[in-house]
C-alpha atoms as a PDB file:
ATOM      1  CA  UNK A   1    -133.489  21.905  66.016  1.00  0.00           C
ATOM      2  CA  UNK A   2    -130.203  22.798  67.348  1.00  0.00           C
ATOM      3  CA  UNK A   3    -129.028  19.433  66.893  1.00  0.00           C
ATOM      4  CA  UNK A   4    -130.303  19.354  63.383  1.00  0.00           C
ATOM      5  CA  UNK A   5    -128.353  22.508  62.485  1.00  0.00           C
ATOM      6  CA  UNK A   6    -125.250  21.283  64.227  1.00  0.00           C
ATOM      7  CA  UNK A   7    -125.362  17.903  62.267  1.00  0.00           C
ATOM      8  CA  UNK A   8    -125.938  19.954  59.005  1.00  0.00           C
ATOM      9  CA  UNK A   9    -122.922  22.173  59.816  1.00  0.00           C
ATOM     10  CA  UNK A  10    -120.886  19.178  60.794  1.00  0.00           C
ATOM     11  CA  UNK A  11    -122.064  17.286  57.562  1.00  0.00           C
ATOM     12  CA  UNK A  12    -121.036  20.576  55.558  1.00  0.00           C
ATOM     13  CA  UNK A  13    -117.621  20.498  57.363  1.00  0.00           C
ATOM     14  CA  UNK A  14    -117.181  17.085  56.489  1.00  0.00           C
ATOM     15  CA  UNK A  15    -117.990  17.484  52.779  1.00  0.00           C
ATOM     16  CA  UNK A  16    -115.927  20.323  52.793  1.00  0.00           C
ATOM     17  CA  UNK A  17    -113.037  18.188  54.374  1.00  0.00           C
ATOM     18  CA  UNK A  18    -113.531  15.440  51.818  1.00  0.00           C
ATOM     19  CA  UNK A  19    -113.406  17.547  48.911  1.00  0.00           C
ATOM     20  CA  UNK A  20    -110.219  18.889  50.326  1.00  0.00           C
ATOM     21  CA  UNK A  21    -108.911  15.663  50.938  1.00  0.00           C
ATOM     22  CA  UNK A  22    -109.758  14.665  47.292  1.00  0.00           C
ATOM     23  CA  UNK A  23    -107.896  17.910  46.338  1.00  0.00           C
ATOM     24  CA  UNK A  24    -104.780  17.000  48.446  1.00  0.00           C
ATOM     25  CA  UNK A  25    -104.783  13.675  47.149  1.00  0.00           C
ATOM     26  CA  UNK A  26    -104.741  14.641  43.568  1.00  0.00           C
ATOM     27  CA  UNK A  27    -101.896  17.214  44.264  1.00  0.00           C
ATOM     28  CA  UNK A  28    -100.129  14.400  46.338  1.00  0.00           C
ATOM     29  CA  UNK A  29    -100.381  12.155  43.308  1.00  0.00           C
ATOM     30  CA  UNK A  30     -99.209  14.870  40.895  1.00  0.00           C
ATOM     31  CA  UNK A  31     -96.037  15.506  43.045  1.00  0.00           C
ATOM     32  CA  UNK A  32     -95.278  11.932  43.504  1.00  0.00           C
ATOM     33  CA  UNK A  33     -95.564  11.547  39.676  1.00  0.00           C
ATOM     34  CA  UNK A  34     -93.379  14.443  39.061  1.00  0.00           C
ATOM     35  CA  UNK A  35     -90.851  13.212  41.998  1.00  0.00           C
ATOM     36  CA  UNK A  36     -90.802   9.869  40.175  1.00  0.00           C
ATOM     37  CA  UNK A  37     -89.754  11.762  36.965  1.00  0.00           C
ATOM     38  CA  UNK A  38     -86.937  13.793  38.778  1.00  0.00           C
ATOM     39  CA  UNK A  39     -85.618  10.774  40.221  1.00  0.00           C
ATOM     40  CA  UNK A  40     -85.499   9.080  37.078  1.00  0.00           C
ATOM     41  CA  UNK A  41     -83.744  12.090  35.532  1.00  0.00           C
ATOM     42  CA  UNK A  42     -81.301  12.133  38.715  1.00  0.00           C
ATOM     43  CA  UNK A  43     -80.482   8.455  37.980  1.00  0.00           C
ATOM     44  CA  UNK A  44     -79.722   9.335  34.170  1.00  0.00           C
ATOM     45  CA  UNK A  45     -77.655  12.288  35.226  1.00  0.00           C
ATOM     46  CA  UNK A  46     -75.710  10.483  37.682  1.00  0.00           C
ATOM     47  CA  UNK A  47     -75.150   7.682  34.890  1.00  0.00           C
ATOM     48  CA  UNK A  48     -74.201  10.256  32.442  1.00  0.00           C
ATOM     49  CA  UNK A  49     -71.734  11.904  34.884  1.00  0.00           C
ATOM     50  CA  UNK A  50     -70.286   8.396  35.799  1.00  0.00           C
ATOM     51  CA  UNK A  51     -69.622   7.695  32.008  1.00  0.00           C
ATOM     52  CA  UNK A  52     -68.138  10.997  31.244  1.00  0.00           C
ATOM     53  CA  UNK A  53     -65.883  11.246  34.273  1.00  0.00           C
ATOM     54  CA  UNK A  54     -64.536   7.539  33.157  1.00  0.00           C
ATOM     55  CA  UNK A  55     -63.974   8.747  29.868  1.00  0.00           C
ATOM     56  CA  UNK A  56     -62.156  11.774  31.304  1.00  0.00           C
ATOM     57  CA  UNK A  57     -60.152   9.394  33.461  1.00  0.00           C
ATOM     58  CA  UNK A  58     -59.165   7.499  30.617  1.00  0.00           C
ATOM     59  CA  UNK A  59     -58.208  10.376  28.526  1.00  0.00           C
ATOM     60  CA  UNK A  60     -56.247  11.756  31.310  1.00  0.00           C
ATOM     61  CA  UNK A  61     -54.317   8.538  31.653  1.00  0.00           C
ATOM     62  CA  UNK A  62     -53.630   8.058  27.983  1.00  0.00           C
ATOM     63  CA  UNK A  63     -52.462  12.117  28.164  1.00  0.00           C
ATOM     64  CA  UNK A  64     -50.031  11.153  31.001  1.00  0.00           C
ATOM     65  CA  UNK A  65     -48.730   8.082  28.959  1.00  0.00           C
ATOM     66  CA  UNK A  66     -48.055  10.237  26.163  1.00  0.00           C
ATOM     67  CA  UNK A  67     -46.169  12.946  28.056  1.00  0.00           C
ATOM     68  CA  UNK A  68     -44.041  10.170  29.695  1.00  0.00           C
ATOM     69  CA  UNK A  69     -43.525   8.783  26.359  1.00  0.00           C
ATOM     70  CA  UNK A  70     -42.646  12.073  24.840  1.00  0.00           C
ATOM     71  CA  UNK A  71     -40.404  12.896  27.923  1.00  0.00           C
ATOM     72  CA  UNK A  72     -38.462   9.524  27.466  1.00  0.00           C
ATOM     73  CA  UNK A  73     -38.021  10.162  23.741  1.00  0.00           C
ATOM     74  CA  UNK A  74     -36.568  13.579  24.540  1.00  0.00           C
ATOM     75  CA  UNK A  75     -34.267  12.007  26.845  1.00  0.00           C
ATOM     76  CA  UNK A  76     -33.324   9.380  24.402  1.00  0.00           C
ATOM     77  CA  UNK A  77     -32.627  12.245  21.699  1.00  0.00           C
ATOM     78  CA  UNK A  78     -30.557  14.346  24.284  1.00  0.00           C
ATOM     79  CA  UNK A  79     -28.584  11.048  25.056  1.00  0.00           C
ATOM     80  CA  UNK A  80     -27.919  10.571  21.437  1.00  0.00           C
ATOM     81  CA  UNK A  81     -27.077  14.169  20.915  1.00  0.00           C
ATOM     82  CA  UNK A  82     -24.341  13.996  23.761  1.00  0.00           C
ATOM     83  CA  UNK A  83     -23.087  10.730  22.508  1.00  0.00           C
ATOM     84  CA  UNK A  84     -22.558  12.399  18.946  1.00  0.00           C
ATOM     85  CA  UNK A  85     -20.740  15.446  20.211  1.00  0.00           C
ATOM     86  CA  UNK A  86     -18.672  13.218  22.803  1.00  0.00           C
ATOM     87  CA  UNK A  87     -17.519  10.925  20.219  1.00  0.00           C
ATOM     88  CA  UNK A  88     -14.660  12.882  18.211  1.00  0.00           C
ATOM     89  CA  UNK A  89     -13.150   9.916  16.769  1.00  0.00           C
ATOM     90  CA  UNK A  90     -16.481   9.258  14.954  1.00  0.00           C
ATOM     91  CA  UNK A  91     -16.167  13.107  13.513  1.00  0.00           C
ATOM     92  CA  UNK A  92     -12.517  12.330  12.738  1.00  0.00           C
ATOM     93  CA  UNK A  93     -13.588   9.261  10.697  1.00  0.00           C
ATOM     94  CA  UNK A  94     -16.385  11.063   8.987  1.00  0.00           C
ATOM     95  CA  UNK A  95     -13.956  13.783   7.815  1.00  0.00           C
ATOM     96  CA  UNK A  96     -11.248  11.100   6.510  1.00  0.00           C
ATOM     97  CA  UNK A  97     -14.214   9.520   4.741  1.00  0.00           C
ATOM     98  CA  UNK A  98     -15.263  12.845   3.150  1.00  0.00           C
ATOM     99  CA  UNK A  99     -11.461  13.494   2.199  1.00  0.00           C
ATOM    100  CA  UNK A 100     -11.082  10.001   0.462  1.00  0.00           C
ATOM    101  CA  UNK A 101     -14.214  10.513  -1.285  1.00  0.00           C
ATOM    102  CA  UNK A 102     -12.884  13.733  -2.647  1.00  0.00           C
ATOM    103  CA  UNK A 103      -9.853  12.250  -3.760  1.00  0.00           C
ATOM    104  CA  UNK A 104     -11.873   9.739  -5.870  1.00  0.00           C
ATOM    105  CA  UNK A 105     -14.083  12.533  -7.559  1.00  0.00           C
ATOM    106  CA  UNK A 106     -13.394  14.274 -10.680  1.00  0.00           C
ATOM    107  CA  UNK A 107     -11.639  17.684  -9.975  1.00  0.00           C
ATOM    108  CA  UNK A 108     -13.286  19.120 -13.020  1.00  0.00           C
ATOM    109  CA  UNK A 109     -16.778  18.675 -12.119  1.00  0.00           C
ATOM    110  CA  UNK A 110     -16.750  17.298  -8.757  1.00  0.00           C
ATOM    111  CA  UNK A 111     -19.677  14.962  -9.296  1.00  0.00           C
ATOM    112  CA  UNK A 112     -18.613  11.897 -11.121  1.00  0.00           C
ATOM    113  CA  UNK A 113     -15.800   9.426 -10.004  1.00  0.00           C
ATOM    114  CA  UNK A 114     -12.479   9.510 -11.961  1.00  0.00           C
ATOM    115  CA  UNK A 115     -12.308   6.784 -14.632  1.00  0.00           C
ATOM    116  CA  UNK A 116      -9.872   8.345 -17.180  1.00  0.00           C
ATOM    117  CA  UNK A 117      -6.203   9.398 -17.415  1.00  0.00           C
ATOM    118  CA  UNK A 118      -4.431  11.834 -19.830  1.00  0.00           C
ATOM    119  CA  UNK A 119      -1.023   9.965 -20.222  1.00  0.00           C
ATOM    120  CA  UNK A 120       1.195  12.671 -20.951  1.00  0.00           C
ATOM    121  CA  UNK A 121       0.475  14.484 -17.419  1.00  0.00           C
ATOM    122  CA  UNK A 122      -0.804  11.529 -15.683  1.00  0.00           C
ATOM    123  CA  UNK A 123      -3.976  13.877 -14.396  1.00  0.00           C
ATOM    124  CA  UNK A 124      -7.066  11.893 -13.742  1.00  0.00           C
ATOM    125  CA  UNK A 125     -10.782  12.918 -14.689  1.00  0.00           C
ATOM    126  CA  UNK A 126     -14.161  11.337 -15.262  1.00  0.00           C
ATOM    127  CA  UNK A 127     -15.424  10.178 -18.813  1.00  0.00           C
ATOM    128  CA  UNK A 128     -17.870  12.868 -19.248  1.00  0.00           C
ATOM    129  CA  UNK A 129     -15.487  15.318 -18.691  1.00  0.00           C
ATOM    130  CA  UNK A 130     -13.008  13.884 -20.992  1.00  0.00           C
ATOM    131  CA  UNK A 131     -15.768  13.335 -23.672  1.00  0.00           C
ATOM    132  CA  UNK A 132     -16.656  17.184 -23.388  1.00  0.00           C
ATOM    133  CA  UNK A 133     -12.942  18.241 -23.957  1.00  0.00           C
ATOM    134  CA  UNK A 134     -12.364  16.005 -26.599  1.00  0.00           C
ATOM    135  CA  UNK A 135     -15.974  17.209 -28.237  1.00  0.00           C
ATOM    136  CA  UNK A 136     -15.160  20.899 -28.057  1.00  0.00           C
ATOM    137  CA  UNK A 137     -11.570  20.078 -29.397  1.00  0.00           C
ATOM    138  CA  UNK A 138      -9.819  21.659 -26.281  1.00  0.00           C
ATOM    139  CA  UNK A 139      -7.208  19.110 -26.106  1.00  0.00           C
ATOM    140  CA  UNK A 140      -5.661  20.637 -23.084  1.00  0.00           C
ATOM    141  CA  UNK A 141      -5.648  19.280 -19.580  1.00  0.00           C
ATOM    142  CA  UNK A 142      -7.833  21.040 -17.351  1.00  0.00           C
ATOM    143  CA  UNK A 143      -5.511  20.972 -14.608  1.00  0.00           C
ATOM    144  CA  UNK A 144      -1.988  21.838 -16.300  1.00  0.00           C
ATOM    145  CA  UNK A 145      -3.434  23.025 -19.748  1.00  0.00           C
ATOM    146  CA  UNK A 146      -1.028  20.409 -21.256  1.00  0.00           C
ATOM    147  CA  UNK A 147      -1.657  19.285 -24.880  1.00  0.00           C
ATOM    148  CA  UNK A 148      -2.885  15.925 -25.324  1.00  0.00           C
ATOM    149  CA  UNK A 149      -4.274  13.651 -28.299  1.00  0.00           C
ATOM    150  CA  UNK A 150      -7.178  11.125 -28.393  1.00  0.00           C
ATOM    151  CA  UNK A 151      -4.548   8.629 -28.069  1.00  0.00           C
ATOM    152  CA  UNK A 152      -3.207   9.864 -24.785  1.00  0.00           C
ATOM    153  CA  UNK A 153      -6.663   9.380 -22.657  1.00  0.00           C
ATOM    154  CA  UNK A 154      -6.888   5.994 -21.270  1.00  0.00           C
ATOM    155  CA  UNK A 155      -9.493   4.488 -19.064  1.00  0.00           C
ATOM    156  CA  UNK A 156      -8.421   3.336 -15.535  1.00  0.00           C
ATOM    157  CA  UNK A 157     -10.020   1.010 -12.900  1.00  0.00           C
ATOM    158  CA  UNK A 158      -9.935   2.278  -9.372  1.00  0.00           C
END
């Protein structure tokens, strides 16, 4: 009887252990499934991280190139400004060119080039200023106020 009781308790314990083993096996399978999902997620995140860090490095390199190009352009601008400030001959030439251009412009309007002369006083004006003087019958030279007639105005070629 004691052997039978012992056997029954042992059988009960074995069945209890078997049920616990099944339960732990199910938990193990669940944990393995969760683990594999987490490994997949980790792999995806690592790929995404690599992709983004590559993109970041590319943008940083592009930004560095643009900064270098900007600095180079600034240096060129500074050099050109220095060259334009250093070359006094060029500014004198520009001043002379402006003076010669002023000599060719009409003194009355300072817009058009001289094209007609008043023969009485030899002052030179543009055609539009001479036409205005003739139209308004103000037959006096705009510079010296000497009287002139329509026959005293002649076209010249400079």
